[in-house]
Amino acid sequence: MKKFFLITILFLVNGCVHRWEWQPDGQKEYLYYVIDVNGTEPDAYFEKKKDALKYIDDFKEFHTYRIVKAQNWASLKEHE
C-alpha cells in the first residue's frame, strides 16, 4: 500500500509543470512595442500585450500600428 501511494505521489509531482514569471528587479522578459507602420521608432512600449492592444484601439483612427514583441535585454531606465 505504501508503494502505491509513493508511486502515485511521484506521478503527480513529475507531471506538474509550472512556468514561473518572476524576473530579477521586476523586469519582464519581453516588451511589446507599438510602432506605426510608416514610422521607424516605437510610439510606446508595454509589458502586457493587452495593454498594447488597448493603445492601438485608442489611436486606430489616426494611425496604423503594429505590435512588435522583443526580448527585454536593456534596463527600463534606458526606455525613459
PDB file of N, CA and C in Angstrom:
ATOM      1  N   MET A   1       0.818  -1.192   0.000  1.00  0.00           N
ATOM      2  CA  MET A   1       0.000   0.000   0.000  1.00  0.00           C
ATOM      3  C   MET A   1       0.866   1.263   0.000  1.00  0.00           C
ATOM      4  N   LYS A   2       1.978   1.220   0.750  1.00  0.00           N
ATOM      5  CA  LYS A   2       2.866   2.378   0.788  1.00  0.00           C
ATOM      6  C   LYS A   2       3.485   2.615  -0.581  1.00  0.00           C
ATOM      7  N   LYS A   3       3.803   1.537  -1.286  1.00  0.00           N
ATOM      8  CA  LYS A   3       4.388   1.680  -2.622  1.00  0.00           C
ATOM      9  C   LYS A   3       3.393   2.341  -3.578  1.00  0.00           C
ATOM     10  N   PHE A   4       2.127   1.993  -3.443  1.00  0.00           N
ATOM     11  CA  PHE A   4       1.096   2.586  -4.298  1.00  0.00           C
ATOM     12  C   PHE A   4       1.021   4.100  -4.087  1.00  0.00           C
ATOM     13  N   PHE A   5       0.999   4.539  -2.839  1.00  0.00           N
ATOM     14  CA  PHE A   5       0.955   5.976  -2.544  1.00  0.00           C
ATOM     15  C   PHE A   5       2.229   6.682  -3.014  1.00  0.00           C
ATOM     16  N   LEU A   6       3.351   6.039  -2.828  1.00  0.00           N
ATOM     17  CA  LEU A   6       4.613   6.620  -3.258  1.00  0.00           C
ATOM     18  C   LEU A   6       4.644   6.788  -4.776  1.00  0.00           C
ATOM     19  N   ILE A   7       4.217   5.776  -5.501  1.00  0.00           N
ATOM     20  CA  ILE A   7       4.174   5.851  -6.965  1.00  0.00           C
ATOM     21  C   ILE A   7       3.175   6.911  -7.420  1.00  0.00           C
ATOM     22  N   THR A   8       2.022   6.972  -6.769  1.00  0.00           N
ATOM     23  CA  THR A   8       1.017   7.978  -7.117  1.00  0.00           C
ATOM     24  C   THR A   8       1.546   9.386  -6.896  1.00  0.00           C
ATOM     25  N   ILE A   9       2.201   9.613  -5.788  1.00  0.00           N
ATOM     26  CA  ILE A   9       2.761  10.928  -5.497  1.00  0.00           C
ATOM     27  C   ILE A   9       3.851  11.282  -6.504  1.00  0.00           C
ATOM     28  N   LEU A  10       4.694  10.326  -6.864  1.00  0.00           N
ATOM     29  CA  LEU A  10       5.737  10.576  -7.847  1.00  0.00           C
ATOM     30  C   LEU A  10       5.151  10.956  -9.205  1.00  0.00           C
ATOM     31  N   PHE A  11       4.087  10.281  -9.626  1.00  0.00           N
ATOM     32  CA  PHE A  11       3.442  10.628 -10.895  1.00  0.00           C
ATOM     33  C   PHE A  11       2.826  12.022 -10.850  1.00  0.00           C
ATOM     34  N   LEU A  12       2.190  12.351  -9.732  1.00  0.00           N
ATOM     35  CA  LEU A  12       1.568  13.671  -9.615  1.00  0.00           C
ATOM     36  C   LEU A  12       2.607  14.782  -9.600  1.00  0.00           C
ATOM     37  N   VAL A  13       3.701  14.571  -8.890  1.00  0.00           N
ATOM     38  CA  VAL A  13       4.731  15.601  -8.784  1.00  0.00           C
ATOM     39  C   VAL A  13       5.482  15.758 -10.107  1.00  0.00           C
ATOM     40  N   ASN A  14       5.795  14.675 -10.763  1.00  0.00           N
ATOM     41  CA  ASN A  14       6.546  14.746 -12.018  1.00  0.00           C
ATOM     42  C   ASN A  14       5.700  15.252 -13.177  1.00  0.00           C
ATOM     43  N   GLY A  15       4.394  15.100 -13.090  1.00  0.00           N
ATOM     44  CA  GLY A  15       3.528  15.536 -14.172  1.00  0.00           C
ATOM     45  C   GLY A  15       3.180  17.010 -14.113  1.00  0.00           C
ATOM     46  N   CYS A  16       3.468  17.668 -13.013  1.00  0.00           N
ATOM     47  CA  CYS A  16       3.120  19.078 -12.871  1.00  0.00           C
ATOM     48  C   CYS A  16       4.212  19.956 -13.478  1.00  0.00           C
ATOM     49  N   VAL A  17       3.784  20.864 -14.311  1.00  0.00           N
ATOM     50  CA  VAL A  17       4.721  21.797 -14.920  1.00  0.00           C
ATOM     51  C   VAL A  17       4.210  23.201 -14.634  1.00  0.00           C
ATOM     52  N   HIS A  18       5.077  24.027 -14.110  1.00  0.00           N
ATOM     53  CA  HIS A  18       4.700  25.409 -13.822  1.00  0.00           C
ATOM     54  C   HIS A  18       5.792  26.329 -14.333  1.00  0.00           C
ATOM     55  N   ARG A  19       5.388  27.351 -15.058  1.00  0.00           N
ATOM     56  CA  ARG A  19       6.360  28.314 -15.564  1.00  0.00           C
ATOM     57  C   ARG A  19       6.319  29.545 -14.667  1.00  0.00           C
ATOM     58  N   TRP A  20       7.405  29.812 -14.024  1.00  0.00           N
ATOM     59  CA  TRP A  20       7.491  30.964 -13.141  1.00  0.00           C
ATOM     60  C   TRP A  20       7.686  32.216 -13.976  1.00  0.00           C
ATOM     61  N   GLU A  21       6.967  33.278 -13.639  1.00  0.00           N
ATOM     62  CA  GLU A  21       7.076  34.526 -14.372  1.00  0.00           C
ATOM     63  C   GLU A  21       7.876  35.560 -13.593  1.00  0.00           C
ATOM     64  N   TRP A  22       8.665  35.111 -12.677  1.00  0.00           N
ATOM     65  CA  TRP A  22       9.477  36.017 -11.877  1.00  0.00           C
ATOM     66  C   TRP A  22      10.720  36.403 -12.652  1.00  0.00           C
ATOM     67  N   GLN A  23      11.042  37.674 -12.635  1.00  0.00           N
ATOM     68  CA  GLN A  23      12.249  38.178 -13.275  1.00  0.00           C
ATOM     69  C   GLN A  23      12.996  39.034 -12.259  1.00  0.00           C
ATOM     70  N   PRO A  24      14.306  39.092 -12.338  1.00  0.00           N
ATOM     71  CA  PRO A  24      15.058  39.913 -11.400  1.00  0.00           C
ATOM     72  C   PRO A  24      14.691  41.386 -11.530  1.00  0.00           C
ATOM     73  N   ASP A  25      14.631  42.076 -10.424  1.00  0.00           N
ATOM     74  CA  ASP A  25      14.317  43.507 -10.362  1.00  0.00           C
ATOM     75  C   ASP A  25      12.953  43.833 -10.946  1.00  0.00           C
ATOM     76  N   GLY A  26      12.054  42.891 -11.006  1.00  0.00           N
ATOM     77  CA  GLY A  26      10.711  43.148 -11.504  1.00  0.00           C
ATOM     78  C   GLY A  26      10.619  43.345 -13.004  1.00  0.00           C
ATOM     79  N   GLN A  27      11.670  43.050 -13.758  1.00  0.00           N
ATOM     80  CA  GLN A  27      11.649  43.229 -15.209  1.00  0.00           C
ATOM     81  C   GLN A  27      10.976  42.033 -15.867  1.00  0.00           C
ATOM     82  N   LYS A  28      10.245  42.309 -16.922  1.00  0.00           N
ATOM     83  CA  LYS A  28       9.631  41.252 -17.706  1.00  0.00           C
ATOM     84  C   LYS A  28      10.619  40.777 -18.764  1.00  0.00           C
ATOM     85  N   GLU A  29      10.429  39.549 -19.194  1.00  0.00           N
ATOM     86  CA  GLU A  29      11.336  39.002 -20.204  1.00  0.00           C
ATOM     87  C   GLU A  29      11.108  39.645 -21.574  1.00  0.00           C
ATOM     88  N   TYR A  30       9.858  40.007 -21.864  1.00  0.00           N
ATOM     89  CA  TYR A  30       9.524  40.604 -23.148  1.00  0.00           C
ATOM     90  C   TYR A  30       8.850  41.954 -22.954  1.00  0.00           C
ATOM     91  N   LEU A  31       9.020  42.823 -23.930  1.00  0.00           N
ATOM     92  CA  LEU A  31       8.289  44.079 -24.006  1.00  0.00           C
ATOM     93  C   LEU A  31       7.552  44.106 -25.332  1.00  0.00           C
ATOM     94  N   TYR A  32       6.394  44.735 -25.344  1.00  0.00           N
ATOM     95  CA  TYR A  32       5.589  44.868 -26.546  1.00  0.00           C
ATOM     96  C   TYR A  32       5.671  46.314 -27.012  1.00  0.00           C
ATOM     97  N   TYR A  33       6.306  46.518 -28.172  1.00  0.00           N
ATOM     98  CA  TYR A  33       6.472  47.849 -28.730  1.00  0.00           C
ATOM     99  C   TYR A  33       5.362  48.110 -29.743  1.00  0.00           C
ATOM    100  N   VAL A  34       4.770  49.303 -29.673  1.00  0.00           N
ATOM    101  CA  VAL A  34       3.744  49.716 -30.619  1.00  0.00           C
ATOM    102  C   VAL A  34       4.412  50.678 -31.599  1.00  0.00           C
ATOM    103  N   ILE A  35       4.446  50.266 -32.873  1.00  0.00           N
ATOM    104  CA  ILE A  35       5.154  51.027 -33.897  1.00  0.00           C
ATOM    105  C   ILE A  35       4.196  51.329 -35.049  1.00  0.00           C
ATOM    106  N   ASP A  36       4.207  52.569 -35.501  1.00  0.00           N
ATOM    107  CA  ASP A  36       3.433  52.952 -36.671  1.00  0.00           C
ATOM    108  C   ASP A  36       4.042  52.254 -37.892  1.00  0.00           C
ATOM    109  N   VAL A  37       3.196  51.821 -38.813  1.00  0.00           N
ATOM    110  CA  VAL A  37       3.659  51.090 -39.984  1.00  0.00           C
ATOM    111  C   VAL A  37       4.648  51.927 -40.793  1.00  0.00           C
ATOM    112  N   ASN A  38       4.433  53.235 -40.854  1.00  0.00           N
ATOM    113  CA  ASN A  38       5.306  54.114 -41.631  1.00  0.00           C
ATOM    114  C   ASN A  38       6.414  54.742 -40.789  1.00  0.00           C
ATOM    115  N   GLY A  39       6.465  54.422 -39.514  1.00  0.00           N
ATOM    116  CA  GLY A  39       7.457  55.016 -38.627  1.00  0.00           C
ATOM    117  C   GLY A  39       8.696  54.151 -38.477  1.00  0.00           C
ATOM    118  N   THR A  40       9.707  54.719 -37.832  1.00  0.00           N
ATOM    119  CA  THR A  40      10.950  53.987 -37.612  1.00  0.00           C
ATOM    120  C   THR A  40      11.211  53.730 -36.132  1.00  0.00           C
ATOM    121  N   GLU A  41      10.537  54.469 -35.248  1.00  0.00           N
ATOM    122  CA  GLU A  41      10.730  54.295 -33.812  1.00  0.00           C
ATOM    123  C   GLU A  41       9.393  54.020 -33.149  1.00  0.00           C
ATOM    124  N   PRO A  42       9.412  53.252 -32.066  1.00  0.00           N
ATOM    125  CA  PRO A  42       8.153  52.934 -31.397  1.00  0.00           C
ATOM    126  C   PRO A  42       7.515  54.161 -30.745  1.00  0.00           C
ATOM    127  N   ASP A  43       6.198  54.189 -30.764  1.00  0.00           N
ATOM    128  CA  ASP A  43       5.455  55.252 -30.100  1.00  0.00           C
ATOM    129  C   ASP A  43       5.280  54.952 -28.618  1.00  0.00           C
ATOM    130  N   ALA A  44       5.234  53.678 -28.273  1.00  0.00           N
ATOM    131  CA  ALA A  44       5.039  53.288 -26.872  1.00  0.00           C
ATOM    132  C   ALA A  44       5.524  51.857 -26.690  1.00  0.00           C
ATOM    133  N   TYR A  45       5.712  51.471 -25.428  1.00  0.00           N
ATOM    134  CA  TYR A  45       6.031  50.079 -25.114  1.00  0.00           C
ATOM    135  C   TYR A  45       5.247  49.670 -23.881  1.00  0.00           C
ATOM    136  N   PHE A  46       4.945  48.376 -23.786  1.00  0.00           N
ATOM    137  CA  PHE A  46       4.139  47.845 -22.697  1.00  0.00           C
ATOM    138  C   PHE A  46       4.695  46.506 -22.256  1.00  0.00           C
ATOM    139  N   GLU A  47       4.402  46.150 -21.025  1.00  0.00           N
ATOM    140  CA  GLU A  47       4.808  44.850 -20.503  1.00  0.00           C
ATOM    141  C   GLU A  47       3.781  43.771 -20.805  1.00  0.00           C
ATOM    142  N   LYS A  48       2.543  44.170 -21.083  1.00  0.00           N
ATOM    143  CA  LYS A  48       1.477  43.210 -21.369  1.00  0.00           C
ATOM    144  C   LYS A  48       0.890  43.499 -22.738  1.00  0.00           C
ATOM    145  N   LYS A  49       0.587  42.432 -23.475  1.00  0.00           N
ATOM    146  CA  LYS A  49       0.064  42.591 -24.823  1.00  0.00           C
ATOM    147  C   LYS A  49      -1.314  43.235 -24.821  1.00  0.00           C
ATOM    148  N   LYS A  50      -2.115  42.932 -23.806  1.00  0.00           N
ATOM    149  CA  LYS A  50      -3.463  43.513 -23.777  1.00  0.00           C
ATOM    150  C   LYS A  50      -3.400  45.034 -23.622  1.00  0.00           C
ATOM    151  N   ASP A  51      -2.387  45.551 -22.939  1.00  0.00           N
ATOM    152  CA  ASP A  51      -2.225  46.997 -22.832  1.00  0.00           C
ATOM    153  C   ASP A  51      -1.842  47.603 -24.173  1.00  0.00           C
ATOM    154  N   ALA A  52      -1.002  46.909 -24.925  1.00  0.00           N
ATOM    155  CA  ALA A  52      -0.621  47.376 -26.256  1.00  0.00           C
ATOM    156  C   ALA A  52      -1.828  47.371 -27.189  1.00  0.00           C
ATOM    157  N   LEU A  53      -2.664  46.345 -27.101  1.00  0.00           N
ATOM    158  CA  LEU A  53      -3.866  46.286 -27.927  1.00  0.00           C
ATOM    159  C   LEU A  53      -4.834  47.412 -27.585  1.00  0.00           C
ATOM    160  N   LYS A  54      -4.939  47.740 -26.308  1.00  0.00           N
ATOM    161  CA  LYS A  54      -5.807  48.851 -25.891  1.00  0.00           C
ATOM    162  C   LYS A  54      -5.283  50.168 -26.449  1.00  0.00           C
ATOM    163  N   TYR A  55      -3.973  50.366 -26.436  1.00  0.00           N
ATOM    164  CA  TYR A  55      -3.365  51.568 -27.000  1.00  0.00           C
ATOM    165  C   TYR A  55      -3.687  51.683 -28.491  1.00  0.00           C
ATOM    166  N   ILE A  56      -3.589  50.572 -29.195  1.00  0.00           N
ATOM    167  CA  ILE A  56      -3.893  50.564 -30.625  1.00  0.00           C
ATOM    168  C   ILE A  56      -5.356  50.923 -30.857  1.00  0.00           C
ATOM    169  N   ASP A  57      -6.258  50.363 -30.039  1.00  0.00           N
ATOM    170  CA  ASP A  57      -7.682  50.684 -30.175  1.00  0.00           C
ATOM    171  C   ASP A  57      -7.955  52.164 -29.931  1.00  0.00           C
ATOM    172  N   ASP A  58      -7.245  52.749 -28.980  1.00  0.00           N
ATOM    173  CA  ASP A  58      -7.457  54.160 -28.665  1.00  0.00           C
ATOM    174  C   ASP A  58      -7.036  55.078 -29.811  1.00  0.00           C
ATOM    175  N   PHE A  59      -6.006  54.708 -30.556  1.00  0.00           N
ATOM    176  CA  PHE A  59      -5.462  55.579 -31.591  1.00  0.00           C
ATOM    177  C   PHE A  59      -5.615  55.039 -33.007  1.00  0.00           C
ATOM    178  N   LYS A  60      -6.470  54.043 -33.209  1.00  0.00           N
ATOM    179  CA  LYS A  60      -6.598  53.440 -34.536  1.00  0.00           C
ATOM    180  C   LYS A  60      -7.190  54.404 -35.563  1.00  0.00           C
ATOM    181  N   GLU A  61      -7.860  55.436 -35.113  1.00  0.00           N
ATOM    182  CA  GLU A  61      -8.424  56.420 -36.025  1.00  0.00           C
ATOM    183  C   GLU A  61      -7.325  57.247 -36.710  1.00  0.00           C
ATOM    184  N   PHE A  62      -6.204  57.436 -36.016  1.00  0.00           N
ATOM    185  CA  PHE A  62      -5.160  58.318 -36.511  1.00  0.00           C
ATOM    186  C   PHE A  62      -3.943  57.587 -37.084  1.00  0.00           C
ATOM    187  N   HIS A  63      -3.729  56.333 -36.679  1.00  0.00           N
ATOM    188  CA  HIS A  63      -2.513  55.608 -37.070  1.00  0.00           C
ATOM    189  C   HIS A  63      -2.835  54.162 -37.426  1.00  0.00           C
ATOM    190  N   THR A  64      -1.919  53.565 -38.179  1.00  0.00           N
ATOM    191  CA  THR A  64      -1.944  52.122 -38.420  1.00  0.00           C
ATOM    192  C   THR A  64      -0.749  51.540 -37.679  1.00  0.00           C
ATOM    193  N   TYR A  65      -1.019  50.833 -36.589  1.00  0.00           N
ATOM    194  CA  TYR A  65       0.036  50.343 -35.718  1.00  0.00           C
ATOM    195  C   TYR A  65       0.281  48.858 -35.894  1.00  0.00           C
ATOM    196  N   ARG A  66       1.468  48.465 -35.520  1.00  0.00           N
ATOM    197  CA  ARG A  66       1.846  47.054 -35.382  1.00  0.00           C
ATOM    198  C   ARG A  66       2.453  46.863 -34.014  1.00  0.00           C
ATOM    199  N   ILE A  67       2.319  45.647 -33.493  1.00  0.00           N
ATOM    200  CA  ILE A  67       2.936  45.298 -32.212  1.00  0.00           C
ATOM    201  C   ILE A  67       4.152  44.429 -32.498  1.00  0.00           C
ATOM    202  N   VAL A  68       5.269  44.808 -31.909  1.00  0.00           N
ATOM    203  CA  VAL A  68       6.498  44.039 -32.044  1.00  0.00           C
ATOM    204  C   VAL A  68       6.880  43.534 -30.661  1.00  0.00           C
ATOM    205  N   LYS A  69       7.025  42.222 -30.543  1.00  0.00           N
ATOM    206  CA  LYS A  69       7.415  41.609 -29.277  1.00  0.00           C
ATOM    207  C   LYS A  69       8.924  41.396 -29.299  1.00  0.00           C
ATOM    208  N   ALA A  70       9.614  41.960 -28.307  1.00  0.00           N
ATOM    209  CA  ALA A  70      11.073  41.857 -28.271  1.00  0.00           C
ATOM    210  C   ALA A  70      11.531  41.501 -26.868  1.00  0.00           C
ATOM    211  N   GLN A  71      12.632  40.774 -26.812  1.00  0.00           N
ATOM    212  CA  GLN A  71      13.191  40.449 -25.507  1.00  0.00           C
ATOM    213  C   GLN A  71      13.735  41.702 -24.858  1.00  0.00           C
ATOM    214  N   ASN A  72      13.569  41.776 -23.560  1.00  0.00           N
ATOM    215  CA  ASN A  72      13.988  42.948 -22.808  1.00  0.00           C
ATOM    216  C   ASN A  72      15.402  42.733 -22.296  1.00  0.00           C
ATOM    217  N   TRP A  73      16.394  43.120 -23.089  1.00  0.00           N
ATOM    218  CA  TRP A  73      17.785  42.979 -22.663  1.00  0.00           C
ATOM    219  C   TRP A  73      18.282  44.241 -21.978  1.00  0.00           C
ATOM    220  N   ALA A  74      17.689  45.366 -22.298  1.00  0.00           N
ATOM    221  CA  ALA A  74      18.119  46.639 -21.714  1.00  0.00           C
ATOM    222  C   ALA A  74      17.352  46.895 -20.424  1.00  0.00           C
ATOM    223  N   SER A  75      17.886  47.755 -19.614  1.00  0.00           N
ATOM    224  CA  SER A  75      17.187  48.111 -18.384  1.00  0.00           C
ATOM    225  C   SER A  75      16.055  49.076 -18.709  1.00  0.00           C
ATOM    226  N   LEU A  76      15.079  49.148 -17.840  1.00  0.00           N
ATOM    227  CA  LEU A  76      13.953  50.030 -18.060  1.00  0.00           C
ATOM    228  C   LEU A  76      14.360  51.493 -18.006  1.00  0.00           C
ATOM    229  N   LYS A  77      15.492  51.824 -17.379  1.00  0.00           N
ATOM    230  CA  LYS A  77      15.953  53.214 -17.301  1.00  0.00           C
ATOM    231  C   LYS A  77      16.256  53.766 -18.691  1.00  0.00           C
ATOM    232  N   GLU A  78      16.679  52.915 -19.611  1.00  0.00           N
ATOM    233  CA  GLU A  78      17.014  53.358 -20.957  1.00  0.00           C
ATOM    234  C   GLU A  78      15.771  53.717 -21.763  1.00  0.00           C
ATOM    235  N   HIS A  79      14.589  53.228 -21.337  1.00  0.00           N
ATOM    236  CA  HIS A  79      13.352  53.494 -22.064  1.00  0.00           C
ATOM    237  C   HIS A  79      12.720  54.820 -21.661  1.00  0.00           C
ATOM    238  N   GLU A  80      13.135  55.370 -20.562  1.00  0.00           N
ATOM    239  CA  GLU A  80      12.504  56.589 -20.061  1.00  0.00           C
ATOM    240  C   GLU A  80      13.177  57.829 -20.567  1.00  0.00           C
TER     241      GLU A  80
END
